[in-house]
Amino acid sequence: MVVQIVKYFQGNSVMAEVASATVLEKGFFISYESNKAVVMDLVTDDATFLGICNDDSANGDTDDVEVLLKCEIRVDVVSATYSILQGLKYSAGSATVDYKLVDDGSANTIAFSLEEKTSAVTRLKVLIDVVALGKLAAVSA
């Protein structure tokens, strides 16, 4: 199942140029590589995770797309129990395969659970907050 955008927070998005030969759809996880938006496809892309795509972009179209930096989404997860604000990382998915998140094991975090699930589930409401993650936009006190 595809990512469902439940809620996004006005003013918490950026416009990013799309890499050539990249197809994007609303709900795709976006990595920002070489100053271009591309489809996230590796666990270690957490360091370049830009957010959730809010536009479509056809192959060869390099116009900017809106990427949500902060939003609530429903997404598939690896079957397990989850706690509120539990860190989640990318597990699988691409432009042709459905996205999945999994417990982050204290590394590669890109999202936080917004639900307490004491029985195993395969779909979860999560928070994406790229600025709070402090990876692409490092925050210093």
N, C-alpha and C. Protein backbone atom coordinates (compact mmCIF):
# COMPACT_ATOMS: atom_id res chain seq x y z
N MET A 1 0.84 -1.18 0.00
CA MET A 1 0.00 0.00 0.00
C MET A 1 0.89 1.24 0.00
N VAL A 2 0.44 2.27 -0.63
CA VAL A 2 1.21 3.51 -0.71
C VAL A 2 1.09 4.31 0.59
N VAL A 3 1.98 5.27 0.73
CA VAL A 3 1.95 6.18 1.86
C VAL A 3 0.74 7.09 1.73
N GLN A 4 0.01 7.25 2.82
CA GLN A 4 -1.13 8.16 2.85
C GLN A 4 -0.75 9.38 3.69
N ILE A 5 -0.78 10.56 3.09
CA ILE A 5 -0.51 11.78 3.85
C ILE A 5 -1.77 12.14 4.61
N VAL A 6 -1.69 12.10 5.94
CA VAL A 6 -2.84 12.37 6.81
C VAL A 6 -2.97 13.86 7.07
N LYS A 7 -1.84 14.51 7.36
CA LYS A 7 -1.85 15.92 7.73
C LYS A 7 -0.48 16.49 7.44
N TYR A 8 -0.46 17.71 6.91
CA TYR A 8 0.83 18.38 6.81
C TYR A 8 0.71 19.77 7.40
N PHE A 9 1.83 20.29 7.81
CA PHE A 9 1.87 21.53 8.56
C PHE A 9 2.31 22.65 7.62
N GLN A 10 1.41 23.61 7.38
CA GLN A 10 1.66 24.70 6.46
C GLN A 10 2.97 25.42 6.81
N GLY A 11 3.76 25.71 5.81
CA GLY A 11 5.03 26.38 6.01
C GLY A 11 6.18 25.44 6.31
N ASN A 12 5.90 24.15 6.38
CA ASN A 12 6.93 23.15 6.67
C ASN A 12 7.20 22.30 5.43
N SER A 13 7.54 22.97 4.35
CA SER A 13 7.88 22.26 3.11
C SER A 13 8.96 23.05 2.37
N VAL A 14 9.59 22.40 1.43
CA VAL A 14 10.58 23.03 0.57
C VAL A 14 10.27 22.64 -0.87
N MET A 15 10.77 23.44 -1.79
CA MET A 15 10.69 23.11 -3.20
C MET A 15 12.07 22.60 -3.60
N ALA A 16 12.12 21.40 -4.16
CA ALA A 16 13.40 20.79 -4.53
C ALA A 16 13.39 20.40 -6.00
N GLU A 17 14.50 20.68 -6.68
CA GLU A 17 14.66 20.30 -8.07
C GLU A 17 14.80 18.79 -8.15
N VAL A 18 14.18 18.21 -9.15
CA VAL A 18 14.20 16.75 -9.32
C VAL A 18 15.36 16.34 -10.22
N ALA A 19 16.05 15.28 -9.84
CA ALA A 19 17.11 14.74 -10.69
C ALA A 19 16.52 14.23 -12.00
N SER A 20 17.23 14.43 -13.10
CA SER A 20 16.71 13.97 -14.39
C SER A 20 16.55 12.45 -14.37
N ALA A 21 15.62 11.97 -15.16
CA ALA A 21 15.31 10.53 -15.25
C ALA A 21 14.79 9.98 -13.93
N THR A 22 14.21 10.83 -13.09
CA THR A 22 13.63 10.40 -11.82
C THR A 22 12.11 10.58 -11.88
N VAL A 23 11.39 9.54 -11.56
CA VAL A 23 9.93 9.60 -11.49
C VAL A 23 9.54 9.69 -10.03
N LEU A 24 8.78 10.71 -9.68
CA LEU A 24 8.31 10.89 -8.30
C LEU A 24 6.80 10.94 -8.27
N GLU A 25 6.24 10.43 -7.18
CA GLU A 25 4.80 10.51 -6.96
C GLU A 25 4.54 10.99 -5.54
N LYS A 26 3.37 11.57 -5.36
CA LYS A 26 2.96 12.02 -4.04
C LYS A 26 3.05 10.85 -3.06
N GLY A 27 3.72 11.07 -1.93
CA GLY A 27 3.87 10.04 -0.92
C GLY A 27 5.22 9.34 -0.95
N PHE A 28 6.03 9.58 -1.98
CA PHE A 28 7.35 8.96 -2.03
C PHE A 28 8.26 9.55 -0.96
N PHE A 29 9.11 8.72 -0.38
CA PHE A 29 10.16 9.17 0.53
C PHE A 29 11.27 9.76 -0.34
N ILE A 30 11.71 10.98 0.00
CA ILE A 30 12.67 11.70 -0.84
C ILE A 30 14.02 11.84 -0.14
N SER A 31 15.06 11.53 -0.88
CA SER A 31 16.43 11.75 -0.44
C SER A 31 16.98 12.92 -1.26
N TYR A 32 17.81 13.75 -0.64
CA TYR A 32 18.38 14.92 -1.32
C TYR A 32 19.86 14.66 -1.58
N GLU A 33 20.15 14.29 -2.82
CA GLU A 33 21.51 13.88 -3.19
C GLU A 33 22.01 14.73 -4.35
N SER A 34 23.20 15.27 -4.20
CA SER A 34 23.80 16.16 -5.21
C SER A 34 22.86 17.32 -5.52
N ASN A 35 22.21 17.85 -4.47
CA ASN A 35 21.29 18.99 -4.57
C ASN A 35 20.07 18.72 -5.45
N LYS A 36 19.66 17.46 -5.51
CA LYS A 36 18.49 17.07 -6.30
C LYS A 36 17.62 16.10 -5.50
N ALA A 37 16.32 16.13 -5.74
CA ALA A 37 15.38 15.20 -5.12
C ALA A 37 15.41 13.88 -5.88
N VAL A 38 15.61 12.78 -5.14
CA VAL A 38 15.58 11.44 -5.70
C VAL A 38 14.78 10.54 -4.77
N VAL A 39 14.41 9.37 -5.24
CA VAL A 39 13.66 8.42 -4.44
C VAL A 39 14.59 7.79 -3.40
N MET A 40 14.17 7.79 -2.14
CA MET A 40 14.95 7.14 -1.08
C MET A 40 14.93 5.64 -1.33
N ASP A 41 16.11 5.00 -1.26
CA ASP A 41 16.13 3.57 -1.52
C ASP A 41 17.10 2.78 -0.65
N LEU A 42 17.72 3.44 0.34
CA LEU A 42 18.65 2.76 1.23
C LEU A 42 18.41 3.17 2.68
N VAL A 43 18.63 2.26 3.61
CA VAL A 43 18.51 2.57 5.03
C VAL A 43 19.42 3.75 5.39
N THR A 44 20.60 3.77 4.83
CA THR A 44 21.57 4.82 5.15
C THR A 44 21.26 6.16 4.50
N ASP A 45 20.19 6.22 3.70
CA ASP A 45 19.75 7.50 3.14
C ASP A 45 19.14 8.40 4.21
N ASP A 46 19.08 7.94 5.46
CA ASP A 46 18.53 8.78 6.53
C ASP A 46 19.32 10.09 6.64
N ALA A 47 20.61 10.06 6.33
CA ALA A 47 21.45 11.25 6.42
C ALA A 47 21.08 12.29 5.37
N THR A 48 20.43 11.87 4.29
CA THR A 48 20.02 12.79 3.23
C THR A 48 18.50 12.83 3.06
N PHE A 49 17.77 12.27 4.03
CA PHE A 49 16.31 12.23 3.97
C PHE A 49 15.75 13.65 4.01
N LEU A 50 14.99 14.02 2.98
CA LEU A 50 14.45 15.36 2.87
C LEU A 50 12.98 15.44 3.29
N GLY A 51 12.22 14.35 3.15
CA GLY A 51 10.82 14.38 3.55
C GLY A 51 9.96 13.56 2.60
N ILE A 52 8.67 13.91 2.58
CA ILE A 52 7.68 13.19 1.79
C ILE A 52 7.24 14.05 0.60
N CYS A 53 7.31 13.47 -0.59
CA CYS A 53 6.94 14.19 -1.81
C CYS A 53 5.45 14.52 -1.80
N ASN A 54 5.11 15.76 -2.17
CA ASN A 54 3.71 16.18 -2.21
C ASN A 54 3.29 16.53 -3.64
N ASP A 55 4.08 16.12 -4.63
CA ASP A 55 3.79 16.36 -6.04
C ASP A 55 4.15 15.12 -6.86
N ASP A 56 3.76 15.15 -8.11
CA ASP A 56 4.18 14.12 -9.07
C ASP A 56 5.20 14.73 -10.02
N SER A 57 6.12 13.91 -10.51
CA SER A 57 7.11 14.36 -11.48
C SER A 57 7.40 13.22 -12.45
N ALA A 58 7.16 13.47 -13.72
CA ALA A 58 7.37 12.44 -14.74
C ALA A 58 8.84 12.32 -15.10
N ASN A 59 9.21 11.21 -15.72
CA ASN A 59 10.58 10.98 -16.18
C ASN A 59 11.01 12.12 -17.09
N GLY A 60 12.16 12.71 -16.80
CA GLY A 60 12.68 13.80 -17.61
C GLY A 60 12.24 15.18 -17.15
N ASP A 61 11.26 15.25 -16.27
CA ASP A 61 10.77 16.53 -15.73
C ASP A 61 11.65 16.92 -14.55
N THR A 62 12.37 18.01 -14.65
CA THR A 62 13.26 18.43 -13.56
C THR A 62 12.72 19.64 -12.81
N ASP A 63 11.45 20.00 -13.05
CA ASP A 63 10.85 21.10 -12.31
C ASP A 63 10.82 20.77 -10.82
N ASP A 64 10.78 21.81 -10.00
CA ASP A 64 10.74 21.62 -8.56
C ASP A 64 9.47 20.90 -8.12
N VAL A 65 9.61 20.09 -7.08
CA VAL A 65 8.46 19.44 -6.43
C VAL A 65 8.42 19.91 -4.97
N GLU A 66 7.23 19.93 -4.41
CA GLU A 66 7.09 20.26 -3.00
C GLU A 66 7.40 19.02 -2.17
N VAL A 67 8.27 19.18 -1.18
CA VAL A 67 8.62 18.09 -0.27
C VAL A 67 8.24 18.52 1.14
N LEU A 68 7.42 17.71 1.80
CA LEU A 68 6.95 18.02 3.15
C LEU A 68 8.02 17.67 4.16
N LEU A 69 8.45 18.66 4.92
CA LEU A 69 9.46 18.45 5.97
C LEU A 69 8.82 17.92 7.24
N LYS A 70 7.56 18.28 7.47
CA LYS A 70 6.85 17.85 8.68
C LYS A 70 5.43 17.48 8.29
N CYS A 71 5.08 16.21 8.58
CA CYS A 71 3.74 15.74 8.25
C CYS A 71 3.44 14.46 9.02
N GLU A 72 2.16 14.12 9.05
CA GLU A 72 1.72 12.84 9.59
C GLU A 72 1.32 11.97 8.42
N ILE A 73 1.79 10.72 8.42
CA ILE A 73 1.45 9.80 7.34
C ILE A 73 1.02 8.45 7.91
N ARG A 74 0.31 7.69 7.10
CA ARG A 74 0.06 6.27 7.39
C ARG A 74 0.94 5.50 6.43
N VAL A 75 1.68 4.53 6.99
CA VAL A 75 2.65 3.80 6.19
C VAL A 75 2.71 2.36 6.66
N ASP A 76 3.08 1.47 5.75
CA ASP A 76 3.28 0.07 6.13
C ASP A 76 4.52 -0.05 7.01
N VAL A 77 4.45 -0.97 7.96
CA VAL A 77 5.57 -1.24 8.85
C VAL A 77 5.79 -2.75 8.91
N VAL A 78 6.98 -3.14 9.31
CA VAL A 78 7.25 -4.56 9.53
C VAL A 78 6.38 -5.01 10.70
N SER A 79 5.74 -6.17 10.58
CA SER A 79 4.82 -6.65 11.59
C SER A 79 5.49 -6.73 12.97
N ALA A 80 4.99 -5.91 13.91
CA ALA A 80 5.55 -5.84 15.26
C ALA A 80 4.64 -4.97 16.13
N THR A 81 4.99 -4.85 17.40
CA THR A 81 4.31 -3.91 18.30
C THR A 81 5.09 -2.60 18.27
N TYR A 82 4.39 -1.49 18.53
CA TYR A 82 5.02 -0.18 18.47
C TYR A 82 4.56 0.69 19.62
N SER A 83 5.45 1.58 20.07
CA SER A 83 5.17 2.51 21.16
C SER A 83 5.10 3.94 20.62
N ILE A 84 4.40 4.80 21.34
CA ILE A 84 4.32 6.20 20.96
C ILE A 84 5.72 6.82 20.97
N LEU A 85 6.03 7.54 19.91
CA LEU A 85 7.32 8.22 19.67
C LEU A 85 8.50 7.27 19.51
N GLN A 86 8.23 6.00 19.25
CA GLN A 86 9.29 5.05 18.94
C GLN A 86 9.93 5.46 17.62
N GLY A 87 11.25 5.47 17.57
CA GLY A 87 11.96 5.81 16.34
C GLY A 87 11.81 4.72 15.29
N LEU A 88 11.66 5.13 14.04
CA LEU A 88 11.49 4.19 12.93
C LEU A 88 12.48 4.54 11.83
N LYS A 89 12.93 3.51 11.12
CA LYS A 89 13.83 3.72 9.99
C LYS A 89 13.24 3.07 8.75
N TYR A 90 13.78 3.46 7.62
CA TYR A 90 13.41 2.89 6.33
C TYR A 90 13.80 1.42 6.31
N SER A 91 12.91 0.59 5.79
CA SER A 91 13.19 -0.83 5.72
C SER A 91 13.20 -1.34 4.28
N ALA A 92 12.23 -0.92 3.50
CA ALA A 92 12.12 -1.39 2.12
C ALA A 92 11.25 -0.42 1.34
N GLY A 93 11.34 -0.53 0.03
CA GLY A 93 10.47 0.25 -0.83
C GLY A 93 11.24 1.09 -1.81
N SER A 94 10.58 1.41 -2.90
CA SER A 94 11.15 2.26 -3.94
C SER A 94 10.00 2.71 -4.82
N ALA A 95 10.33 3.23 -5.97
CA ALA A 95 9.29 3.70 -6.88
C ALA A 95 8.41 2.56 -7.37
N THR A 96 8.88 1.33 -7.26
CA THR A 96 8.09 0.19 -7.75
C THR A 96 7.66 -0.77 -6.65
N VAL A 97 8.15 -0.56 -5.43
CA VAL A 97 7.83 -1.45 -4.31
C VAL A 97 7.32 -0.60 -3.16
N ASP A 98 6.30 -1.07 -2.46
CA ASP A 98 5.73 -0.30 -1.36
C ASP A 98 6.74 -0.04 -0.25
N TYR A 99 6.63 1.14 0.34
CA TYR A 99 7.50 1.52 1.45
C TYR A 99 7.14 0.77 2.72
N LYS A 100 8.15 0.50 3.55
CA LYS A 100 7.96 -0.06 4.88
C LYS A 100 8.95 0.58 5.83
N LEU A 101 8.49 0.78 7.07
CA LEU A 101 9.37 1.25 8.13
C LEU A 101 9.47 0.15 9.17
N VAL A 102 10.50 0.24 10.02
CA VAL A 102 10.75 -0.75 11.05
C VAL A 102 11.38 -0.04 12.24
N ASP A 103 11.35 -0.67 13.42
CA ASP A 103 12.03 -0.12 14.60
C ASP A 103 13.45 0.27 14.21
N ASP A 104 13.88 1.45 14.65
CA ASP A 104 15.18 1.94 14.20
C ASP A 104 16.38 1.36 14.93
N GLY A 105 16.16 0.68 16.06
CA GLY A 105 17.30 0.12 16.78
C GLY A 105 18.31 1.20 17.16
N SER A 106 17.83 2.40 17.39
CA SER A 106 18.64 3.57 17.78
C SER A 106 19.60 4.06 16.69
N ALA A 107 19.27 3.80 15.43
CA ALA A 107 20.09 4.31 14.32
C ALA A 107 19.22 4.51 13.08
N ASN A 108 19.62 5.44 12.24
CA ASN A 108 18.97 5.68 10.94
C ASN A 108 17.52 6.15 11.04
N THR A 109 17.17 6.84 12.10
CA THR A 109 15.79 7.30 12.33
C THR A 109 15.34 8.31 11.28
N ILE A 110 14.10 8.10 10.76
CA ILE A 110 13.50 9.09 9.87
C ILE A 110 12.07 9.44 10.28
N ALA A 111 11.50 8.70 11.24
CA ALA A 111 10.10 8.92 11.62
C ALA A 111 9.87 8.46 13.06
N PHE A 112 8.70 8.87 13.59
CA PHE A 112 8.33 8.50 14.96
C PHE A 112 6.90 8.00 14.99
N SER A 113 6.66 6.90 15.69
CA SER A 113 5.32 6.35 15.81
C SER A 113 4.41 7.31 16.56
N LEU A 114 3.19 7.48 16.08
CA LEU A 114 2.19 8.29 16.77
C LEU A 114 1.12 7.43 17.42
N GLU A 115 1.35 6.12 17.45
CA GLU A 115 0.37 5.20 18.01
C GLU A 115 1.03 4.19 18.92
N GLU A 116 0.28 3.76 19.92
CA GLU A 116 0.69 2.67 20.81
C GLU A 116 -0.01 1.43 20.31
N LYS A 117 0.73 0.43 19.90
CA LYS A 117 0.16 -0.82 19.40
C LYS A 117 0.77 -1.98 20.18
N THR A 118 -0.03 -2.60 21.06
CA THR A 118 0.47 -3.70 21.88
C THR A 118 0.30 -5.05 21.19
N SER A 119 -0.45 -5.07 20.09
CA SER A 119 -0.53 -6.26 19.24
C SER A 119 0.15 -5.92 17.92
N ALA A 120 0.76 -6.90 17.30
CA ALA A 120 1.50 -6.66 16.06
C ALA A 120 0.60 -6.05 14.99
N VAL A 121 1.11 -5.03 14.32
CA VAL A 121 0.41 -4.36 13.22
C VAL A 121 1.33 -4.26 12.02
N THR A 122 0.73 -3.99 10.85
CA THR A 122 1.52 -3.82 9.65
C THR A 122 1.30 -2.45 9.00
N ARG A 123 0.56 -1.58 9.67
CA ARG A 123 0.32 -0.21 9.19
C ARG A 123 0.26 0.70 10.40
N LEU A 124 0.84 1.89 10.29
CA LEU A 124 0.99 2.75 11.46
C LEU A 124 0.94 4.21 11.05
N LYS A 125 0.40 5.05 11.92
CA LYS A 125 0.42 6.50 11.74
C LYS A 125 1.73 7.00 12.36
N VAL A 126 2.52 7.75 11.57
CA VAL A 126 3.82 8.21 12.03
C VAL A 126 4.01 9.70 11.76
N LEU A 127 4.96 10.28 12.49
CA LEU A 127 5.34 11.68 12.32
C LEU A 127 6.66 11.76 11.57
N ILE A 128 6.67 12.56 10.52
CA ILE A 128 7.90 12.92 9.82
C ILE A 128 8.23 14.33 10.25
N ASP A 129 9.43 14.57 10.76
CA ASP A 129 9.85 15.92 11.16
C ASP A 129 11.35 16.05 10.88
N VAL A 130 11.67 16.41 9.65
CA VAL A 130 13.05 16.42 9.18
C VAL A 130 13.91 17.41 9.97
N VAL A 131 13.37 18.59 10.28
CA VAL A 131 14.16 19.59 11.01
C VAL A 131 14.50 19.07 12.41
N ALA A 132 13.53 18.45 13.08
CA ALA A 132 13.77 17.91 14.43
C ALA A 132 14.83 16.80 14.40
N LEU A 133 14.92 16.07 13.31
CA LEU A 133 15.93 15.02 13.19
C LEU A 133 17.34 15.61 13.20
N GLY A 134 17.49 16.82 12.70
CA GLY A 134 18.77 17.51 12.73
C GLY A 134 19.85 16.89 11.87
N LYS A 135 19.49 16.26 10.76
CA LYS A 135 20.50 15.63 9.91
C LYS A 135 20.87 16.54 8.75
N LEU A 136 19.94 16.80 7.85
CA LEU A 136 20.22 17.72 6.75
C LEU A 136 20.33 19.15 7.25
N ALA A 137 19.47 19.50 8.20
CA ALA A 137 19.47 20.84 8.78
C ALA A 137 19.93 20.72 10.22
N ALA A 138 21.22 20.70 10.41
CA ALA A 138 21.77 20.52 11.76
C ALA A 138 21.30 21.65 12.68
N VAL A 139 20.87 21.28 13.86
CA VAL A 139 20.40 22.24 14.86
C VAL A 139 21.44 22.34 15.95
N SER A 140 21.86 23.56 16.27
CA SER A 140 22.80 23.73 17.38
C SER A 140 22.21 24.70 18.39
N ALA A 141 22.45 24.42 19.65
CA ALA A 141 21.87 25.23 20.72
C ALA A 141 22.76 26.40 21.07
